[in-house]
Amino acid sequence: MARANSFFYRQTEGIRVTVQPTYIRDESRPWQQHHVFAYAVRIENVGALPAQLISRRWLIHDDIGDDREVEGEGVVGEQPVIAPGQVHEYRSFCVLKAGRGFMEGEYRFVRSDGTRFTAQIPRFTLSAEQRTDLPS
């Protein structure tokens, strides 16, 4: 069973990033400090020029005290070109030892005119805790 949390979004330099994290209860083993979280990402170009996503940088905070930084090219093996008004979506996951934490980061882009810029990924909460306002 999966439980979705809220949506988190941020707009920077004409790129709107929306993230929806989900706790994956069926794949988690809390007694072994193994909490699986999936997250859906929507990257929308609300600017005037096409932009290619070149790389990403994630900061992952685990409430047990572990902090990790992950950098790499593109997202899930792709370096999409996103035209004005277009959207690129993907899903990924992370594993935390604690049942709570957060992620945030940035995407690095290059526009069709050669300018480079960074779009911020909003900080979003990862939580295995039940919330009374959402069905489980």
N, C-alpha and C. Protein backbone atom coordinates (compact mmCIF):
# COMPACT_ATOMS: atom_id res chain seq x y z
N MET A 1 0.84 -1.18 0.00
CA MET A 1 0.00 0.00 0.00
C MET A 1 0.89 1.24 0.00
N ALA A 2 0.47 2.25 -0.73
CA ALA A 2 1.21 3.51 -0.79
C ALA A 2 0.32 4.62 -0.26
N ARG A 3 0.94 5.62 0.36
CA ARG A 3 0.21 6.76 0.87
C ARG A 3 0.89 8.02 0.37
N ALA A 4 0.14 8.83 -0.37
CA ALA A 4 0.69 10.06 -0.93
C ALA A 4 0.62 11.19 0.09
N ASN A 5 1.65 12.00 0.10
CA ASN A 5 1.67 13.20 0.91
C ASN A 5 1.23 14.37 0.05
N SER A 6 1.45 15.56 0.51
CA SER A 6 1.07 16.77 -0.20
C SER A 6 1.96 17.02 -1.41
N PHE A 7 1.54 17.99 -2.21
CA PHE A 7 2.35 18.48 -3.33
C PHE A 7 3.22 19.62 -2.83
N PHE A 8 4.44 19.70 -3.37
CA PHE A 8 5.38 20.78 -3.05
C PHE A 8 5.83 21.38 -4.38
N TYR A 9 5.87 22.71 -4.49
CA TYR A 9 6.30 23.29 -5.76
C TYR A 9 7.12 24.56 -5.55
N ARG A 10 7.89 24.88 -6.58
CA ARG A 10 8.72 26.08 -6.58
C ARG A 10 8.99 26.47 -8.03
N GLN A 11 8.99 27.76 -8.28
CA GLN A 11 9.28 28.26 -9.63
C GLN A 11 10.52 29.14 -9.59
N THR A 12 11.47 28.83 -10.50
CA THR A 12 12.73 29.56 -10.59
C THR A 12 13.09 29.70 -12.06
N GLU A 13 13.45 30.88 -12.50
CA GLU A 13 13.98 31.08 -13.85
C GLU A 13 13.08 30.51 -14.95
N GLY A 14 11.76 30.59 -14.75
CA GLY A 14 10.85 30.10 -15.77
C GLY A 14 10.62 28.61 -15.76
N ILE A 15 11.09 27.93 -14.73
CA ILE A 15 10.87 26.48 -14.60
C ILE A 15 10.11 26.24 -13.29
N ARG A 16 8.96 25.58 -13.40
CA ARG A 16 8.15 25.24 -12.23
C ARG A 16 8.34 23.76 -11.93
N VAL A 17 8.81 23.46 -10.72
CA VAL A 17 9.05 22.08 -10.29
C VAL A 17 8.02 21.73 -9.21
N THR A 18 7.28 20.65 -9.44
CA THR A 18 6.30 20.16 -8.48
C THR A 18 6.67 18.73 -8.11
N VAL A 19 6.64 18.43 -6.81
CA VAL A 19 7.00 17.10 -6.33
C VAL A 19 5.88 16.58 -5.42
N GLN A 20 5.55 15.30 -5.59
CA GLN A 20 4.62 14.64 -4.69
C GLN A 20 5.28 13.37 -4.16
N PRO A 21 5.69 13.37 -2.88
CA PRO A 21 6.28 12.18 -2.29
C PRO A 21 5.21 11.20 -1.81
N THR A 22 5.57 9.93 -1.77
CA THR A 22 4.66 8.87 -1.33
C THR A 22 5.46 7.87 -0.50
N TYR A 23 4.91 7.49 0.64
CA TYR A 23 5.53 6.44 1.45
C TYR A 23 5.05 5.10 0.93
N ILE A 24 6.00 4.20 0.65
CA ILE A 24 5.67 2.88 0.12
C ILE A 24 5.73 1.87 1.27
N ARG A 25 4.61 1.74 1.95
CA ARG A 25 4.53 0.89 3.15
C ARG A 25 4.87 -0.57 2.85
N ASP A 26 4.37 -1.10 1.73
CA ASP A 26 4.56 -2.53 1.42
C ASP A 26 6.02 -2.90 1.15
N GLU A 27 6.84 -1.94 0.78
CA GLU A 27 8.25 -2.22 0.51
C GLU A 27 9.16 -1.80 1.66
N SER A 28 8.58 -1.20 2.68
CA SER A 28 9.35 -0.71 3.82
C SER A 28 9.42 -1.77 4.92
N ARG A 29 10.52 -1.73 5.67
CA ARG A 29 10.72 -2.61 6.82
C ARG A 29 11.22 -1.75 7.99
N PRO A 30 10.29 -1.06 8.67
CA PRO A 30 10.70 -0.12 9.73
C PRO A 30 11.57 -0.76 10.81
N TRP A 31 11.32 -2.02 11.16
CA TRP A 31 12.09 -2.72 12.19
C TRP A 31 13.55 -2.92 11.77
N GLN A 32 13.83 -2.74 10.47
CA GLN A 32 15.20 -2.84 9.95
C GLN A 32 15.72 -1.47 9.50
N GLN A 33 15.06 -0.40 9.91
CA GLN A 33 15.42 0.96 9.51
C GLN A 33 15.47 1.08 7.98
N HIS A 34 14.42 0.63 7.34
CA HIS A 34 14.33 0.63 5.87
C HIS A 34 12.96 1.19 5.49
N HIS A 35 12.93 2.49 5.17
CA HIS A 35 11.69 3.18 4.79
C HIS A 35 11.82 3.63 3.34
N VAL A 36 10.91 3.15 2.49
CA VAL A 36 10.97 3.44 1.05
C VAL A 36 9.98 4.55 0.72
N PHE A 37 10.50 5.56 0.03
CA PHE A 37 9.68 6.68 -0.42
C PHE A 37 9.84 6.84 -1.93
N ALA A 38 8.72 6.96 -2.62
CA ALA A 38 8.74 7.30 -4.04
C ALA A 38 8.40 8.78 -4.14
N TYR A 39 8.80 9.38 -5.25
CA TYR A 39 8.39 10.77 -5.48
C TYR A 39 8.19 10.99 -6.98
N ALA A 40 7.09 11.66 -7.27
CA ALA A 40 6.75 12.01 -8.65
C ALA A 40 7.16 13.46 -8.85
N VAL A 41 7.86 13.72 -9.96
CA VAL A 41 8.35 15.07 -10.26
C VAL A 41 7.75 15.54 -11.58
N ARG A 42 7.27 16.78 -11.57
CA ARG A 42 6.74 17.43 -12.77
C ARG A 42 7.56 18.70 -12.98
N ILE A 43 8.21 18.79 -14.14
CA ILE A 43 9.03 19.96 -14.48
C ILE A 43 8.36 20.65 -15.65
N GLU A 44 7.92 21.87 -15.43
CA GLU A 44 7.17 22.61 -16.45
C GLU A 44 7.94 23.87 -16.85
N ASN A 45 8.08 24.06 -18.16
CA ASN A 45 8.74 25.26 -18.68
C ASN A 45 7.68 26.34 -18.87
N VAL A 46 7.67 27.33 -17.98
CA VAL A 46 6.74 28.45 -18.07
C VAL A 46 7.45 29.69 -18.61
N GLY A 47 8.69 29.50 -19.11
CA GLY A 47 9.47 30.58 -19.69
C GLY A 47 9.22 30.73 -21.19
N ALA A 48 10.05 31.56 -21.82
CA ALA A 48 9.87 31.88 -23.24
C ALA A 48 10.76 31.05 -24.17
N LEU A 49 11.79 30.38 -23.64
CA LEU A 49 12.73 29.64 -24.48
C LEU A 49 12.79 28.16 -24.08
N PRO A 50 13.06 27.27 -25.03
CA PRO A 50 13.29 25.87 -24.67
C PRO A 50 14.49 25.77 -23.73
N ALA A 51 14.47 24.76 -22.87
CA ALA A 51 15.57 24.56 -21.93
C ALA A 51 15.83 23.06 -21.80
N GLN A 52 17.13 22.70 -21.78
CA GLN A 52 17.51 21.31 -21.62
C GLN A 52 18.02 21.09 -20.21
N LEU A 53 17.47 20.07 -19.55
CA LEU A 53 17.92 19.70 -18.22
C LEU A 53 19.22 18.92 -18.38
N ILE A 54 20.30 19.47 -17.83
CA ILE A 54 21.63 18.88 -18.00
C ILE A 54 22.01 17.98 -16.82
N SER A 55 21.75 18.46 -15.60
CA SER A 55 22.17 17.68 -14.42
C SER A 55 21.29 18.01 -13.23
N ARG A 56 21.49 17.24 -12.16
CA ARG A 56 20.72 17.44 -10.95
C ARG A 56 21.62 17.29 -9.73
N ARG A 57 21.18 17.88 -8.65
CA ARG A 57 21.86 17.76 -7.36
C ARG A 57 20.78 17.65 -6.29
N TRP A 58 20.82 16.55 -5.54
CA TRP A 58 19.86 16.32 -4.47
C TRP A 58 20.55 16.36 -3.12
N LEU A 59 19.90 16.94 -2.14
CA LEU A 59 20.32 16.86 -0.74
C LEU A 59 19.24 16.04 -0.04
N ILE A 60 19.64 14.95 0.60
CA ILE A 60 18.70 14.05 1.25
C ILE A 60 19.02 14.02 2.74
N HIS A 61 18.03 14.42 3.55
CA HIS A 61 18.21 14.45 5.00
C HIS A 61 17.34 13.36 5.62
N ASP A 62 17.95 12.52 6.42
CA ASP A 62 17.28 11.45 7.14
C ASP A 62 17.27 11.86 8.61
N ASP A 63 16.10 11.87 9.25
CA ASP A 63 16.01 12.33 10.64
C ASP A 63 16.83 11.51 11.62
N ILE A 64 17.36 10.38 11.20
CA ILE A 64 18.23 9.58 12.06
C ILE A 64 19.63 10.22 12.14
N GLY A 65 19.86 11.22 11.29
CA GLY A 65 21.13 11.94 11.33
C GLY A 65 21.98 11.79 10.09
N ASP A 66 21.53 11.04 9.12
CA ASP A 66 22.29 10.87 7.88
C ASP A 66 21.91 11.95 6.87
N ASP A 67 22.91 12.58 6.31
CA ASP A 67 22.72 13.54 5.22
C ASP A 67 23.53 13.06 4.03
N ARG A 68 22.90 13.04 2.86
CA ARG A 68 23.58 12.60 1.64
C ARG A 68 23.40 13.65 0.56
N GLU A 69 24.36 13.71 -0.33
CA GLU A 69 24.28 14.56 -1.51
C GLU A 69 24.46 13.66 -2.73
N VAL A 70 23.55 13.80 -3.69
CA VAL A 70 23.60 12.98 -4.90
C VAL A 70 23.62 13.91 -6.11
N GLU A 71 24.63 13.76 -6.96
CA GLU A 71 24.72 14.56 -8.18
C GLU A 71 24.84 13.63 -9.37
N GLY A 72 24.35 14.11 -10.51
CA GLY A 72 24.46 13.30 -11.71
C GLY A 72 23.90 14.01 -12.92
N GLU A 73 24.11 13.39 -14.07
CA GLU A 73 23.60 13.94 -15.32
C GLU A 73 22.11 13.64 -15.43
N GLY A 74 21.37 14.61 -15.95
CA GLY A 74 19.96 14.41 -16.28
C GLY A 74 19.14 13.88 -15.13
N VAL A 75 18.00 13.28 -15.50
CA VAL A 75 17.11 12.63 -14.54
C VAL A 75 16.70 11.28 -15.11
N VAL A 76 16.79 10.26 -14.30
CA VAL A 76 16.51 8.87 -14.68
C VAL A 76 17.01 8.55 -16.10
N GLY A 77 18.26 8.90 -16.35
CA GLY A 77 18.91 8.57 -17.62
C GLY A 77 18.57 9.46 -18.80
N GLU A 78 17.86 10.55 -18.56
CA GLU A 78 17.46 11.44 -19.65
C GLU A 78 17.94 12.86 -19.41
N GLN A 79 18.16 13.59 -20.50
CA GLN A 79 18.46 15.02 -20.45
C GLN A 79 17.45 15.71 -21.37
N PRO A 80 16.20 15.79 -20.89
CA PRO A 80 15.12 16.27 -21.76
C PRO A 80 15.23 17.74 -22.13
N VAL A 81 14.81 18.05 -23.35
CA VAL A 81 14.62 19.44 -23.77
C VAL A 81 13.14 19.73 -23.56
N ILE A 82 12.87 20.77 -22.79
CA ILE A 82 11.49 21.11 -22.46
C ILE A 82 11.15 22.45 -23.12
N ALA A 83 10.25 22.40 -24.08
CA ALA A 83 9.83 23.61 -24.81
C ALA A 83 8.91 24.45 -23.93
N PRO A 84 8.77 25.74 -24.24
CA PRO A 84 7.83 26.58 -23.47
C PRO A 84 6.43 25.96 -23.48
N GLY A 85 5.82 25.91 -22.32
CA GLY A 85 4.49 25.33 -22.18
C GLY A 85 4.47 23.81 -22.08
N GLN A 86 5.62 23.18 -22.20
CA GLN A 86 5.70 21.71 -22.13
C GLN A 86 6.12 21.25 -20.74
N VAL A 87 5.94 19.94 -20.50
CA VAL A 87 6.18 19.35 -19.19
C VAL A 87 7.00 18.07 -19.37
N HIS A 88 7.90 17.82 -18.42
CA HIS A 88 8.59 16.53 -18.34
C HIS A 88 8.29 15.96 -16.96
N GLU A 89 7.84 14.70 -16.92
CA GLU A 89 7.51 14.06 -15.65
C GLU A 89 8.30 12.76 -15.50
N TYR A 90 8.64 12.45 -14.26
CA TYR A 90 9.30 11.18 -13.97
C TYR A 90 9.05 10.80 -12.52
N ARG A 91 9.36 9.56 -12.22
CA ARG A 91 9.24 9.05 -10.85
C ARG A 91 10.58 8.45 -10.43
N SER A 92 10.88 8.58 -9.15
CA SER A 92 12.08 7.98 -8.60
C SER A 92 11.79 7.61 -7.15
N PHE A 93 12.81 7.19 -6.42
CA PHE A 93 12.61 6.78 -5.03
C PHE A 93 13.87 6.99 -4.22
N CYS A 94 13.73 6.92 -2.91
CA CYS A 94 14.88 6.91 -2.01
C CYS A 94 14.52 6.07 -0.79
N VAL A 95 15.53 5.64 -0.07
CA VAL A 95 15.36 4.83 1.13
C VAL A 95 15.98 5.59 2.30
N LEU A 96 15.22 5.74 3.37
CA LEU A 96 15.72 6.37 4.59
C LEU A 96 15.75 5.34 5.72
N LYS A 97 16.64 5.57 6.68
CA LYS A 97 16.66 4.73 7.87
C LYS A 97 15.53 5.12 8.82
N ALA A 98 15.30 6.41 8.94
CA ALA A 98 14.22 6.91 9.79
C ALA A 98 12.93 6.99 8.98
N GLY A 99 11.82 7.12 9.68
CA GLY A 99 10.53 7.26 9.01
C GLY A 99 10.22 8.68 8.61
N ARG A 100 11.17 9.59 8.84
CA ARG A 100 11.00 11.01 8.46
C ARG A 100 12.31 11.56 7.91
N GLY A 101 12.15 12.54 7.06
CA GLY A 101 13.29 13.27 6.51
C GLY A 101 12.79 14.26 5.49
N PHE A 102 13.70 14.76 4.69
CA PHE A 102 13.30 15.65 3.60
C PHE A 102 14.32 15.60 2.50
N MET A 103 13.91 16.07 1.34
CA MET A 103 14.80 16.20 0.19
C MET A 103 14.62 17.59 -0.40
N GLU A 104 15.65 18.08 -1.06
CA GLU A 104 15.61 19.33 -1.81
C GLU A 104 16.78 19.31 -2.76
N GLY A 105 16.85 20.27 -3.66
CA GLY A 105 17.97 20.27 -4.58
C GLY A 105 17.82 21.27 -5.69
N GLU A 106 18.46 20.94 -6.82
CA GLU A 106 18.43 21.84 -7.97
C GLU A 106 18.66 21.06 -9.25
N TYR A 107 18.08 21.60 -10.32
CA TYR A 107 18.33 21.11 -11.67
C TYR A 107 19.13 22.18 -12.39
N ARG A 108 20.12 21.75 -13.18
CA ARG A 108 20.91 22.68 -13.98
C ARG A 108 20.45 22.56 -15.43
N PHE A 109 20.15 23.70 -16.02
CA PHE A 109 19.61 23.77 -17.38
C PHE A 109 20.50 24.61 -18.28
N VAL A 110 20.32 24.43 -19.59
CA VAL A 110 20.88 25.34 -20.59
C VAL A 110 19.74 25.67 -21.55
N ARG A 111 19.57 26.96 -21.81
CA ARG A 111 18.52 27.42 -22.73
C ARG A 111 18.99 27.30 -24.17
N SER A 112 18.07 27.41 -25.09
CA SER A 112 18.40 27.31 -26.52
C SER A 112 19.33 28.44 -26.97
N ASP A 113 19.38 29.55 -26.22
CA ASP A 113 20.30 30.64 -26.57
C ASP A 113 21.68 30.46 -25.92
N GLY A 114 21.89 29.32 -25.22
CA GLY A 114 23.18 29.01 -24.61
C GLY A 114 23.34 29.44 -23.17
N THR A 115 22.40 30.21 -22.64
CA THR A 115 22.53 30.63 -21.24
C THR A 115 22.25 29.45 -20.30
N ARG A 116 23.02 29.40 -19.23
CA ARG A 116 22.88 28.35 -18.23
C ARG A 116 22.22 28.93 -16.99
N PHE A 117 21.41 28.10 -16.33
CA PHE A 117 20.75 28.56 -15.10
C PHE A 117 20.40 27.36 -14.24
N THR A 118 20.05 27.66 -13.00
CA THR A 118 19.68 26.64 -12.03
C THR A 118 18.23 26.84 -11.60
N ALA A 119 17.46 25.77 -11.60
CA ALA A 119 16.09 25.80 -11.10
C ALA A 119 16.06 25.02 -9.78
N GLN A 120 15.48 25.63 -8.78
CA GLN A 120 15.44 25.01 -7.45
C GLN A 120 14.35 23.95 -7.37
N ILE A 121 14.68 22.84 -6.71
CA ILE A 121 13.71 21.80 -6.39
C ILE A 121 13.22 22.12 -4.98
N PRO A 122 11.91 22.22 -4.78
CA PRO A 122 11.42 22.60 -3.44
C PRO A 122 11.78 21.56 -2.39
N ARG A 123 11.98 22.02 -1.16
CA ARG A 123 12.17 21.07 -0.06
C ARG A 123 10.84 20.37 0.15
N PHE A 124 10.89 19.03 0.20
CA PHE A 124 9.66 18.29 0.47
C PHE A 124 9.90 17.27 1.56
N THR A 125 8.86 17.06 2.34
CA THR A 125 8.90 16.20 3.51
C THR A 125 8.66 14.76 3.11
N LEU A 126 9.43 13.87 3.71
CA LEU A 126 9.22 12.43 3.58
C LEU A 126 8.77 11.95 4.95
N SER A 127 7.59 11.35 5.02
CA SER A 127 7.06 10.94 6.32
C SER A 127 6.28 9.64 6.21
N ALA A 128 6.63 8.69 7.06
CA ALA A 128 5.92 7.42 7.13
C ALA A 128 4.76 7.49 8.10
N GLU A 129 4.64 8.60 8.82
CA GLU A 129 3.60 8.74 9.84
C GLU A 129 2.23 8.85 9.20
N GLN A 130 1.25 8.28 9.85
CA GLN A 130 -0.13 8.38 9.38
C GLN A 130 -0.62 9.80 9.65
N ARG A 131 -1.40 10.32 8.69
CA ARG A 131 -2.05 11.61 8.89
C ARG A 131 -3.55 11.37 8.90
N THR A 132 -4.23 12.05 9.80
CA THR A 132 -5.66 11.82 9.94
C THR A 132 -6.47 12.45 8.82
N ASP A 133 -5.89 13.39 8.06
CA ASP A 133 -6.65 14.07 7.01
C ASP A 133 -6.52 13.38 5.66
N LEU A 134 -5.79 12.28 5.58
CA LEU A 134 -5.65 11.54 4.32
C LEU A 134 -6.06 10.08 4.55
N PRO A 135 -6.75 9.50 3.59
CA PRO A 135 -7.05 8.08 3.74
C PRO A 135 -5.77 7.26 3.60
N SER A 136 -5.68 6.15 4.32
CA SER A 136 -4.48 5.30 4.22
C SER A 136 -4.68 4.18 3.25
